[in-house]
Amino acid sequence: FAGFAPYDNPKYTAVIMVEDGVSGGS
């Protein structure tokens, strides 16, 4: 999952990777 926050005035981003996972959403 790659994303940013806060939505209205983005200041921060992060990319999370899970090895041998089921789905990015879960």
mmCIF file of all heavy atoms, coordinates in Angstrom:
data_MODEL
# 
_entry.id   MODEL 
# 
loop_
_atom_site.group_PDB 
_atom_site.id 
_atom_site.type_symbol 
_atom_site.label_atom_id 
_atom_site.label_alt_id 
_atom_site.label_comp_id 
_atom_site.label_asym_id 
_atom_site.label_entity_id 
_atom_site.label_seq_id 
_atom_site.pdbx_PDB_ins_code 
_atom_site.Cartn_x 
_atom_site.Cartn_y 
_atom_site.Cartn_z 
_atom_site.occupancy 
_atom_site.B_iso_or_equiv 
_atom_site.pdbx_formal_charge 
_atom_site.auth_seq_id 
_atom_site.auth_comp_id 
_atom_site.auth_asym_id 
_atom_site.auth_atom_id 
_atom_site.pdbx_PDB_model_num 
ATOM 1   N N   . PHE A 1 1  ? 0.872  -1.166  0.000  1.00 0.00 ? 1  PHE A N   1 
ATOM 2   C CA  . PHE A 1 1  ? 0.000  0.000   0.000  1.00 0.00 ? 1  PHE A CA  1 
ATOM 3   C C   . PHE A 1 1  ? 0.909  1.215   0.000  1.00 0.00 ? 1  PHE A C   1 
ATOM 4   O O   . PHE A 1 1  ? 1.835  1.314   0.810  1.00 0.00 ? 1  PHE A O   1 
ATOM 5   C CB  . PHE A 1 1  ? -0.940 0.076   1.212  1.00 0.00 ? 1  PHE A CB  1 
ATOM 6   C CG  . PHE A 1 1  ? -1.820 1.297   1.148  1.00 0.00 ? 1  PHE A CG  1 
ATOM 7   C CD1 . PHE A 1 1  ? -2.954 1.286   0.361  1.00 0.00 ? 1  PHE A CD1 1 
ATOM 8   C CD2 . PHE A 1 1  ? -1.476 2.461   1.807  1.00 0.00 ? 1  PHE A CD2 1 
ATOM 9   C CE1 . PHE A 1 1  ? -3.739 2.428   0.244  1.00 0.00 ? 1  PHE A CE1 1 
ATOM 10  C CE2 . PHE A 1 1  ? -2.251 3.601   1.704  1.00 0.00 ? 1  PHE A CE2 1 
ATOM 11  C CZ  . PHE A 1 1  ? -3.394 3.577   0.923  1.00 0.00 ? 1  PHE A CZ  1 
ATOM 12  N N   . ALA A 1 2  ? 0.669  2.126   -0.927 1.00 0.00 ? 2  ALA A N   1 
ATOM 13  C CA  . ALA A 1 2  ? 1.396  3.392   -0.992 1.00 0.00 ? 2  ALA A CA  1 
ATOM 14  C C   . ALA A 1 2  ? 0.366  4.503   -0.877 1.00 0.00 ? 2  ALA A C   1 
ATOM 15  O O   . ALA A 1 2  ? -0.662 4.463   -1.550 1.00 0.00 ? 2  ALA A O   1 
ATOM 16  C CB  . ALA A 1 2  ? 2.149  3.515   -2.312 1.00 0.00 ? 2  ALA A CB  1 
ATOM 17  N N   . GLY A 1 3  ? 0.623  5.469   0.006  1.00 0.00 ? 3  GLY A N   1 
ATOM 18  C CA  . GLY A 1 3  ? -0.368 6.518   0.173  1.00 0.00 ? 3  GLY A CA  1 
ATOM 19  C C   . GLY A 1 3  ? 0.174  7.773   0.808  1.00 0.00 ? 3  GLY A C   1 
ATOM 20  O O   . GLY A 1 3  ? 1.365  7.878   1.113  1.00 0.00 ? 3  GLY A O   1 
ATOM 21  N N   . PHE A 1 4  ? -0.746 8.728   1.025  1.00 0.00 ? 4  PHE A N   1 
ATOM 22  C CA  . PHE A 1 4  ? -0.387 9.999   1.651  1.00 0.00 ? 4  PHE A CA  1 
ATOM 23  C C   . PHE A 1 4  ? -1.477 10.444  2.611  1.00 0.00 ? 4  PHE A C   1 
ATOM 24  O O   . PHE A 1 4  ? -2.622 10.022  2.524  1.00 0.00 ? 4  PHE A O   1 
ATOM 25  C CB  . PHE A 1 4  ? -0.121 11.085  0.596  1.00 0.00 ? 4  PHE A CB  1 
ATOM 26  C CG  . PHE A 1 4  ? -1.314 11.440  -0.255 1.00 0.00 ? 4  PHE A CG  1 
ATOM 27  C CD1 . PHE A 1 4  ? -2.233 12.400  0.163  1.00 0.00 ? 4  PHE A CD1 1 
ATOM 28  C CD2 . PHE A 1 4  ? -1.511 10.839  -1.485 1.00 0.00 ? 4  PHE A CD2 1 
ATOM 29  C CE1 . PHE A 1 4  ? -3.322 12.738  -0.631 1.00 0.00 ? 4  PHE A CE1 1 
ATOM 30  C CE2 . PHE A 1 4  ? -2.584 11.171  -2.284 1.00 0.00 ? 4  PHE A CE2 1 
ATOM 31  C CZ  . PHE A 1 4  ? -3.499 12.124  -1.845 1.00 0.00 ? 4  PHE A CZ  1 
ATOM 32  N N   . ALA A 1 5  ? -1.088 11.322  3.531  1.00 0.00 ? 5  ALA A N   1 
ATOM 33  C CA  . ALA A 1 5  ? -2.008 11.912  4.508  1.00 0.00 ? 5  ALA A CA  1 
ATOM 34  C C   . ALA A 1 5  ? -1.381 13.212  4.994  1.00 0.00 ? 5  ALA A C   1 
ATOM 35  O O   . ALA A 1 5  ? -0.176 13.378  4.904  1.00 0.00 ? 5  ALA A O   1 
ATOM 36  C CB  . ALA A 1 5  ? -2.240 10.952  5.677  1.00 0.00 ? 5  ALA A CB  1 
ATOM 37  N N   . PRO A 1 6  ? -2.168 14.119  5.531  1.00 0.00 ? 6  PRO A N   1 
ATOM 38  C CA  . PRO A 1 6  ? -3.621 14.216  5.499  1.00 0.00 ? 6  PRO A CA  1 
ATOM 39  C C   . PRO A 1 6  ? -4.118 14.418  4.062  1.00 0.00 ? 6  PRO A C   1 
ATOM 40  O O   . PRO A 1 6  ? -3.377 14.903  3.212  1.00 0.00 ? 6  PRO A O   1 
ATOM 41  C CB  . PRO A 1 6  ? -3.936 15.441  6.340  1.00 0.00 ? 6  PRO A CB  1 
ATOM 42  C CG  . PRO A 1 6  ? -2.669 15.868  6.994  1.00 0.00 ? 6  PRO A CG  1 
ATOM 43  C CD  . PRO A 1 6  ? -1.551 15.233  6.261  1.00 0.00 ? 6  PRO A CD  1 
ATOM 44  N N   . TYR A 1 7  ? -5.344 14.074  3.842  1.00 0.00 ? 7  TYR A N   1 
ATOM 45  C CA  . TYR A 1 7  ? -5.869 14.142  2.482  1.00 0.00 ? 7  TYR A CA  1 
ATOM 46  C C   . TYR A 1 7  ? -5.941 15.580  1.972  1.00 0.00 ? 7  TYR A C   1 
ATOM 47  O O   . TYR A 1 7  ? -5.507 15.866  0.859  1.00 0.00 ? 7  TYR A O   1 
ATOM 48  C CB  . TYR A 1 7  ? -7.249 13.497  2.381  1.00 0.00 ? 7  TYR A CB  1 
ATOM 49  C CG  . TYR A 1 7  ? -7.817 13.660  0.985  1.00 0.00 ? 7  TYR A CG  1 
ATOM 50  C CD1 . TYR A 1 7  ? -7.333 12.888  -0.055 1.00 0.00 ? 7  TYR A CD1 1 
ATOM 51  C CD2 . TYR A 1 7  ? -8.770 14.620  0.708  1.00 0.00 ? 7  TYR A CD2 1 
ATOM 52  C CE1 . TYR A 1 7  ? -7.793 13.060  -1.348 1.00 0.00 ? 7  TYR A CE1 1 
ATOM 53  C CE2 . TYR A 1 7  ? -9.244 14.802  -0.583 1.00 0.00 ? 7  TYR A CE2 1 
ATOM 54  C CZ  . TYR A 1 7  ? -8.752 14.026  -1.607 1.00 0.00 ? 7  TYR A CZ  1 
ATOM 55  O OH  . TYR A 1 7  ? -9.204 14.213  -2.883 1.00 0.00 ? 7  TYR A OH  1 
ATOM 56  N N   . ASP A 1 8  ? -6.503 16.498  2.753  1.00 0.00 ? 8  ASP A N   1 
ATOM 57  C CA  . ASP A 1 8  ? -6.734 17.865  2.276  1.00 0.00 ? 8  ASP A CA  1 
ATOM 58  C C   . ASP A 1 8  ? -5.456 18.673  2.077  1.00 0.00 ? 8  ASP A C   1 
ATOM 59  O O   . ASP A 1 8  ? -5.423 19.583  1.258  1.00 0.00 ? 8  ASP A O   1 
ATOM 60  C CB  . ASP A 1 8  ? -7.671 18.607  3.231  1.00 0.00 ? 8  ASP A CB  1 
ATOM 61  C CG  . ASP A 1 8  ? -9.093 18.084  3.141  1.00 0.00 ? 8  ASP A CG  1 
ATOM 62  O OD1 . ASP A 1 8  ? -9.506 17.652  2.042  1.00 0.00 ? 8  ASP A OD1 1 
ATOM 63  O OD2 . ASP A 1 8  ? -9.791 18.086  4.176  1.00 0.00 ? 8  ASP A OD2 1 
ATOM 64  N N   . ASN A 1 9  ? -4.430 18.381  2.837  1.00 0.00 ? 9  ASN A N   1 
ATOM 65  C CA  . ASN A 1 9  ? -3.174 19.113  2.726  1.00 0.00 ? 9  ASN A CA  1 
ATOM 66  C C   . ASN A 1 9  ? -2.034 18.107  2.916  1.00 0.00 ? 9  ASN A C   1 
ATOM 67  O O   . ASN A 1 9  ? -1.415 18.056  3.976  1.00 0.00 ? 9  ASN A O   1 
ATOM 68  C CB  . ASN A 1 9  ? -3.120 20.225  3.790  1.00 0.00 ? 9  ASN A CB  1 
ATOM 69  C CG  . ASN A 1 9  ? -1.916 21.115  3.627  1.00 0.00 ? 9  ASN A CG  1 
ATOM 70  O OD1 . ASN A 1 9  ? -1.272 21.138  2.589  1.00 0.00 ? 9  ASN A OD1 1 
ATOM 71  N ND2 . ASN A 1 9  ? -1.600 21.851  4.681  1.00 0.00 ? 9  ASN A ND2 1 
ATOM 72  N N   . PRO A 1 10 ? -1.752 17.288  1.899  1.00 0.00 ? 10 PRO A N   1 
ATOM 73  C CA  . PRO A 1 10 ? -0.789 16.199  2.056  1.00 0.00 ? 10 PRO A CA  1 
ATOM 74  C C   . PRO A 1 10 ? 0.584  16.670  2.540  1.00 0.00 ? 10 PRO A C   1 
ATOM 75  O O   . PRO A 1 10 ? 1.142  17.629  2.016  1.00 0.00 ? 10 PRO A O   1 
ATOM 76  C CB  . PRO A 1 10 ? -0.683 15.603  0.650  1.00 0.00 ? 10 PRO A CB  1 
ATOM 77  C CG  . PRO A 1 10 ? -1.953 15.993  -0.030 1.00 0.00 ? 10 PRO A CG  1 
ATOM 78  C CD  . PRO A 1 10 ? -2.311 17.331  0.539  1.00 0.00 ? 10 PRO A CD  1 
ATOM 79  N N   . LYS A 1 11 ? 1.090  15.993  3.568  1.00 0.00 ? 11 LYS A N   1 
ATOM 80  C CA  . LYS A 1 11 ? 2.415  16.294  4.115  1.00 0.00 ? 11 LYS A CA  1 
ATOM 81  C C   . LYS A 1 11 ? 3.293  15.060  4.221  1.00 0.00 ? 11 LYS A C   1 
ATOM 82  O O   . LYS A 1 11 ? 4.506  15.172  4.239  1.00 0.00 ? 11 LYS A O   1 
ATOM 83  C CB  . LYS A 1 11 ? 2.281  16.929  5.501  1.00 0.00 ? 11 LYS A CB  1 
ATOM 84  C CG  . LYS A 1 11 ? 1.635  18.293  5.504  1.00 0.00 ? 11 LYS A CG  1 
ATOM 85  C CD  . LYS A 1 11 ? 1.730  18.897  6.883  1.00 0.00 ? 11 LYS A CD  1 
ATOM 86  C CE  . LYS A 1 11 ? 1.004  20.209  6.992  1.00 0.00 ? 11 LYS A CE  1 
ATOM 87  N NZ  . LYS A 1 11 ? 1.496  21.268  6.177  1.00 0.00 ? 11 LYS A NZ  1 
ATOM 88  N N   . TYR A 1 12 ? 2.687  13.881  4.327  1.00 0.00 ? 12 TYR A N   1 
ATOM 89  C CA  . TYR A 1 12 ? 3.441  12.663  4.588  1.00 0.00 ? 12 TYR A CA  1 
ATOM 90  C C   . TYR A 1 12 ? 3.055  11.561  3.608  1.00 0.00 ? 12 TYR A C   1 
ATOM 91  O O   . TYR A 1 12 ? 1.892  11.431  3.241  1.00 0.00 ? 12 TYR A O   1 
ATOM 92  C CB  . TYR A 1 12 ? 3.185  12.171  6.017  1.00 0.00 ? 12 TYR A CB  1 
ATOM 93  C CG  . TYR A 1 12 ? 3.380  13.253  7.038  1.00 0.00 ? 12 TYR A CG  1 
ATOM 94  C CD1 . TYR A 1 12 ? 2.301  13.866  7.650  1.00 0.00 ? 12 TYR A CD1 1 
ATOM 95  C CD2 . TYR A 1 12 ? 4.667  13.693  7.364  1.00 0.00 ? 12 TYR A CD2 1 
ATOM 96  C CE1 . TYR A 1 12 ? 2.482  14.883  8.574  1.00 0.00 ? 12 TYR A CE1 1 
ATOM 97  C CE2 . TYR A 1 12 ? 4.860  14.705  8.277  1.00 0.00 ? 12 TYR A CE2 1 
ATOM 98  C CZ  . TYR A 1 12 ? 3.757  15.300  8.887  1.00 0.00 ? 12 TYR A CZ  1 
ATOM 99  O OH  . TYR A 1 12 ? 3.953  16.310  9.787  1.00 0.00 ? 12 TYR A OH  1 
ATOM 100 N N   . THR A 1 13 ? 4.041  10.787  3.199  1.00 0.00 ? 13 THR A N   1 
ATOM 101 C CA  . THR A 1 13 ? 3.799  9.627   2.344  1.00 0.00 ? 13 THR A CA  1 
ATOM 102 C C   . THR A 1 13 ? 4.481  8.411   2.976  1.00 0.00 ? 13 THR A C   1 
ATOM 103 O O   . THR A 1 13 ? 5.450  8.554   3.724  1.00 0.00 ? 13 THR A O   1 
ATOM 104 C CB  . THR A 1 13 ? 4.356  9.815   0.923  1.00 0.00 ? 13 THR A CB  1 
ATOM 105 O OG1 . THR A 1 13 ? 5.771  9.967   0.994  1.00 0.00 ? 13 THR A OG1 1 
ATOM 106 C CG2 . THR A 1 13 ? 3.723  11.008  0.240  1.00 0.00 ? 13 THR A CG2 1 
ATOM 107 N N   . ALA A 1 14 ? 3.954  7.250   2.653  1.00 0.00 ? 14 ALA A N   1 
ATOM 108 C CA  . ALA A 1 14 ? 4.571  6.005   3.111  1.00 0.00 ? 14 ALA A CA  1 
ATOM 109 C C   . ALA A 1 14 ? 4.225  4.901   2.126  1.00 0.00 ? 14 ALA A C   1 
ATOM 110 O O   . ALA A 1 14 ? 3.154  4.918   1.508  1.00 0.00 ? 14 ALA A O   1 
ATOM 111 C CB  . ALA A 1 14 ? 4.086  5.628   4.504  1.00 0.00 ? 14 ALA A CB  1 
ATOM 112 N N   . VAL A 1 15 ? 5.147  3.976   1.983  1.00 0.00 ? 15 VAL A N   1 
ATOM 113 C CA  . VAL A 1 15 ? 4.924  2.774   1.184  1.00 0.00 ? 15 VAL A CA  1 
ATOM 114 C C   . VAL A 1 15 ? 5.183  1.588   2.105  1.00 0.00 ? 15 VAL A C   1 
ATOM 115 O O   . VAL A 1 15 ? 6.256  1.480   2.687  1.00 0.00 ? 15 VAL A O   1 
ATOM 116 C CB  . VAL A 1 15 ? 5.860  2.714   -0.040 1.00 0.00 ? 15 VAL A CB  1 
ATOM 117 C CG1 . VAL A 1 15 ? 5.638  1.426   -0.816 1.00 0.00 ? 15 VAL A CG1 1 
ATOM 118 C CG2 . VAL A 1 15 ? 5.658  3.933   -0.932 1.00 0.00 ? 15 VAL A CG2 1 
ATOM 119 N N   . ILE A 1 16 ? 4.188  0.742   2.233  1.00 0.00 ? 16 ILE A N   1 
ATOM 120 C CA  . ILE A 1 16 ? 4.272  -0.434  3.093  1.00 0.00 ? 16 ILE A CA  1 
ATOM 121 C C   . ILE A 1 16 ? 4.280  -1.674  2.211  1.00 0.00 ? 16 ILE A C   1 
ATOM 122 O O   . ILE A 1 16 ? 3.419  -1.832  1.354  1.00 0.00 ? 16 ILE A O   1 
ATOM 123 C CB  . ILE A 1 16 ? 3.074  -0.512  4.058  1.00 0.00 ? 16 ILE A CB  1 
ATOM 124 C CG1 . ILE A 1 16 ? 2.839  0.818   4.790  1.00 0.00 ? 16 ILE A CG1 1 
ATOM 125 C CG2 . ILE A 1 16 ? 3.227  -1.689  5.007  1.00 0.00 ? 16 ILE A CG2 1 
ATOM 126 C CD1 . ILE A 1 16 ? 3.988  1.307   5.627  1.00 0.00 ? 16 ILE A CD1 1 
ATOM 127 N N   . MET A 1 17 ? 5.253  -2.563  2.426  1.00 0.00 ? 17 MET A N   1 
ATOM 128 C CA  . MET A 1 17 ? 5.313  -3.822  1.690  1.00 0.00 ? 17 MET A CA  1 
ATOM 129 C C   . MET A 1 17 ? 5.314  -4.965  2.695  1.00 0.00 ? 17 MET A C   1 
ATOM 130 O O   . MET A 1 17 ? 6.056  -4.925  3.675  1.00 0.00 ? 17 MET A O   1 
ATOM 131 C CB  . MET A 1 17 ? 6.570  -3.891  0.827  1.00 0.00 ? 17 MET A CB  1 
ATOM 132 C CG  . MET A 1 17 ? 6.581  -5.042  -0.178 1.00 0.00 ? 17 MET A CG  1 
ATOM 133 S SD  . MET A 1 17 ? 7.220  -6.606  0.395  1.00 0.00 ? 17 MET A SD  1 
ATOM 134 C CE  . MET A 1 17 ? 8.944  -6.274  0.543  1.00 0.00 ? 17 MET A CE  1 
ATOM 135 N N   . VAL A 1 18 ? 4.460  -5.959  2.456  1.00 0.00 ? 18 VAL A N   1 
ATOM 136 C CA  . VAL A 1 18 ? 4.390  -7.147  3.304  1.00 0.00 ? 18 VAL A CA  1 
ATOM 137 C C   . VAL A 1 18 ? 4.771  -8.347  2.450  1.00 0.00 ? 18 VAL A C   1 
ATOM 138 O O   . VAL A 1 18 ? 4.117  -8.625  1.440  1.00 0.00 ? 18 VAL A O   1 
ATOM 139 C CB  . VAL A 1 18 ? 2.979  -7.326  3.901  1.00 0.00 ? 18 VAL A CB  1 
ATOM 140 C CG1 . VAL A 1 18 ? 2.902  -8.594  4.732  1.00 0.00 ? 18 VAL A CG1 1 
ATOM 141 C CG2 . VAL A 1 18 ? 2.587  -6.103  4.730  1.00 0.00 ? 18 VAL A CG2 1 
ATOM 142 N N   . GLU A 1 19 ? 5.833  -9.029  2.839  1.00 0.00 ? 19 GLU A N   1 
ATOM 143 C CA  . GLU A 1 19 ? 6.257  -10.225 2.116  1.00 0.00 ? 19 GLU A CA  1 
ATOM 144 C C   . GLU A 1 19 ? 5.307  -11.376 2.415  1.00 0.00 ? 19 GLU A C   1 
ATOM 145 O O   . GLU A 1 19 ? 4.869  -11.551 3.542  1.00 0.00 ? 19 GLU A O   1 
ATOM 146 C CB  . GLU A 1 19 ? 7.669  -10.625 2.522  1.00 0.00 ? 19 GLU A CB  1 
ATOM 147 C CG  . GLU A 1 19 ? 8.726  -9.650  2.064  1.00 0.00 ? 19 GLU A CG  1 
ATOM 148 C CD  . GLU A 1 19 ? 10.120 -10.129 2.405  1.00 0.00 ? 19 GLU A CD  1 
ATOM 149 O OE1 . GLU A 1 19 ? 10.502 -11.217 1.913  1.00 0.00 ? 19 GLU A OE1 1 
ATOM 150 O OE2 . GLU A 1 19 ? 10.803 -9.430  3.161  1.00 0.00 ? 19 GLU A OE2 1 
ATOM 151 N N   . ASP A 1 20 ? 4.994  -12.156 1.391  1.00 0.00 ? 20 ASP A N   1 
ATOM 152 C CA  . ASP A 1 20 ? 4.136  -13.326 1.509  1.00 0.00 ? 20 ASP A CA  1 
ATOM 153 C C   . ASP A 1 20 ? 2.801  -12.962 2.153  1.00 0.00 ? 20 ASP A C   1 
ATOM 154 O O   . ASP A 1 20 ? 2.324  -13.632 3.066  1.00 0.00 ? 20 ASP A O   1 
ATOM 155 C CB  . ASP A 1 20 ? 4.845  -14.447 2.294  1.00 0.00 ? 20 ASP A CB  1 
ATOM 156 C CG  . ASP A 1 20 ? 4.165  -15.794 2.109  1.00 0.00 ? 20 ASP A CG  1 
ATOM 157 O OD1 . ASP A 1 20 ? 3.373  -15.950 1.157  1.00 0.00 ? 20 ASP A OD1 1 
ATOM 158 O OD2 . ASP A 1 20 ? 4.415  -16.691 2.927  1.00 0.00 ? 20 ASP A OD2 1 
ATOM 159 N N   . GLY A 1 21 ? 2.206  -11.873 1.666  1.00 0.00 ? 21 GLY A N   1 
ATOM 160 C CA  . GLY A 1 21 ? 0.932  -11.414 2.195  1.00 0.00 ? 21 GLY A CA  1 
ATOM 161 C C   . GLY A 1 21 ? -0.236 -11.908 1.371  1.00 0.00 ? 21 GLY A C   1 
ATOM 162 O O   . GLY A 1 21 ? -0.077 -12.612 0.374  1.00 0.00 ? 21 GLY A O   1 
ATOM 163 N N   . VAL A 1 22 ? -1.423 -11.502 1.806  1.00 0.00 ? 22 VAL A N   1 
ATOM 164 C CA  . VAL A 1 22 ? -2.661 -11.883 1.123  1.00 0.00 ? 22 VAL A CA  1 
ATOM 165 C C   . VAL A 1 22 ? -3.108 -10.772 0.178  1.00 0.00 ? 22 VAL A C   1 
ATOM 166 O O   . VAL A 1 22 ? -3.365 -11.006 -0.992 1.00 0.00 ? 22 VAL A O   1 
ATOM 167 C CB  . VAL A 1 22 ? -3.772 -12.205 2.144  1.00 0.00 ? 22 VAL A CB  1 
ATOM 168 C CG1 . VAL A 1 22 ? -5.080 -12.497 1.447  1.00 0.00 ? 22 VAL A CG1 1 
ATOM 169 C CG2 . VAL A 1 22 ? -3.349 -13.381 3.016  1.00 0.00 ? 22 VAL A CG2 1 
ATOM 170 N N   . SER A 1 23 ? -3.219 -9.539  0.713  1.00 0.00 ? 23 SER A N   1 
ATOM 171 C CA  . SER A 1 23 ? -3.595 -8.398  -0.128 1.00 0.00 ? 23 SER A CA  1 
ATOM 172 C C   . SER A 1 23 ? -3.078 -7.114  0.506  1.00 0.00 ? 23 SER A C   1 
ATOM 173 O O   . SER A 1 23 ? -2.908 -7.033  1.723  1.00 0.00 ? 23 SER A O   1 
ATOM 174 C CB  . SER A 1 23 ? -5.114 -8.318  -0.313 1.00 0.00 ? 23 SER A CB  1 
ATOM 175 O OG  . SER A 1 23 ? -5.730 -7.828  0.857  1.00 0.00 ? 23 SER A OG  1 
ATOM 176 N N   . GLY A 1 24 ? -2.865 -6.118  -0.340 1.00 0.00 ? 24 GLY A N   1 
ATOM 177 C CA  . GLY A 1 24 ? -2.421 -4.820  0.168  1.00 0.00 ? 24 GLY A CA  1 
ATOM 178 C C   . GLY A 1 24 ? -3.453 -4.193  1.088  1.00 0.00 ? 24 GLY A C   1 
ATOM 179 O O   . GLY A 1 24 ? -3.108 -3.542  2.066  1.00 0.00 ? 24 GLY A O   1 
ATOM 180 N N   . GLY A 1 25 ? -4.724 -4.404  0.765  1.00 0.00 ? 25 GLY A N   1 
ATOM 181 C CA  . GLY A 1 25 ? -5.795 -3.825  1.568  1.00 0.00 ? 25 GLY A CA  1 
ATOM 182 C C   . GLY A 1 25 ? -5.916 -4.432  2.950  1.00 0.00 ? 25 GLY A C   1 
ATOM 183 O O   . GLY A 1 25 ? -6.222 -3.733  3.917  1.00 0.00 ? 25 GLY A O   1 
ATOM 184 N N   . SER A 1 26 ? -5.654 -5.717  3.066  1.00 0.00 ? 26 SER A N   1 
ATOM 185 C CA  . SER A 1 26 ? -5.816 -6.366  4.373  1.00 0.00 ? 26 SER A CA  1 
ATOM 186 C C   . SER A 1 26 ? -4.528 -6.412  5.181  1.00 0.00 ? 26 SER A C   1 
ATOM 187 O O   . SER A 1 26 ? -4.570 -6.401  6.410  1.00 0.00 ? 26 SER A O   1 
ATOM 188 C CB  . SER A 1 26 ? -6.361 -7.788  4.205  1.00 0.00 ? 26 SER A CB  1 
ATOM 189 O OG  . SER A 1 26 ? -5.425 -8.609  3.536  1.00 0.00 ? 26 SER A OG  1 
# 
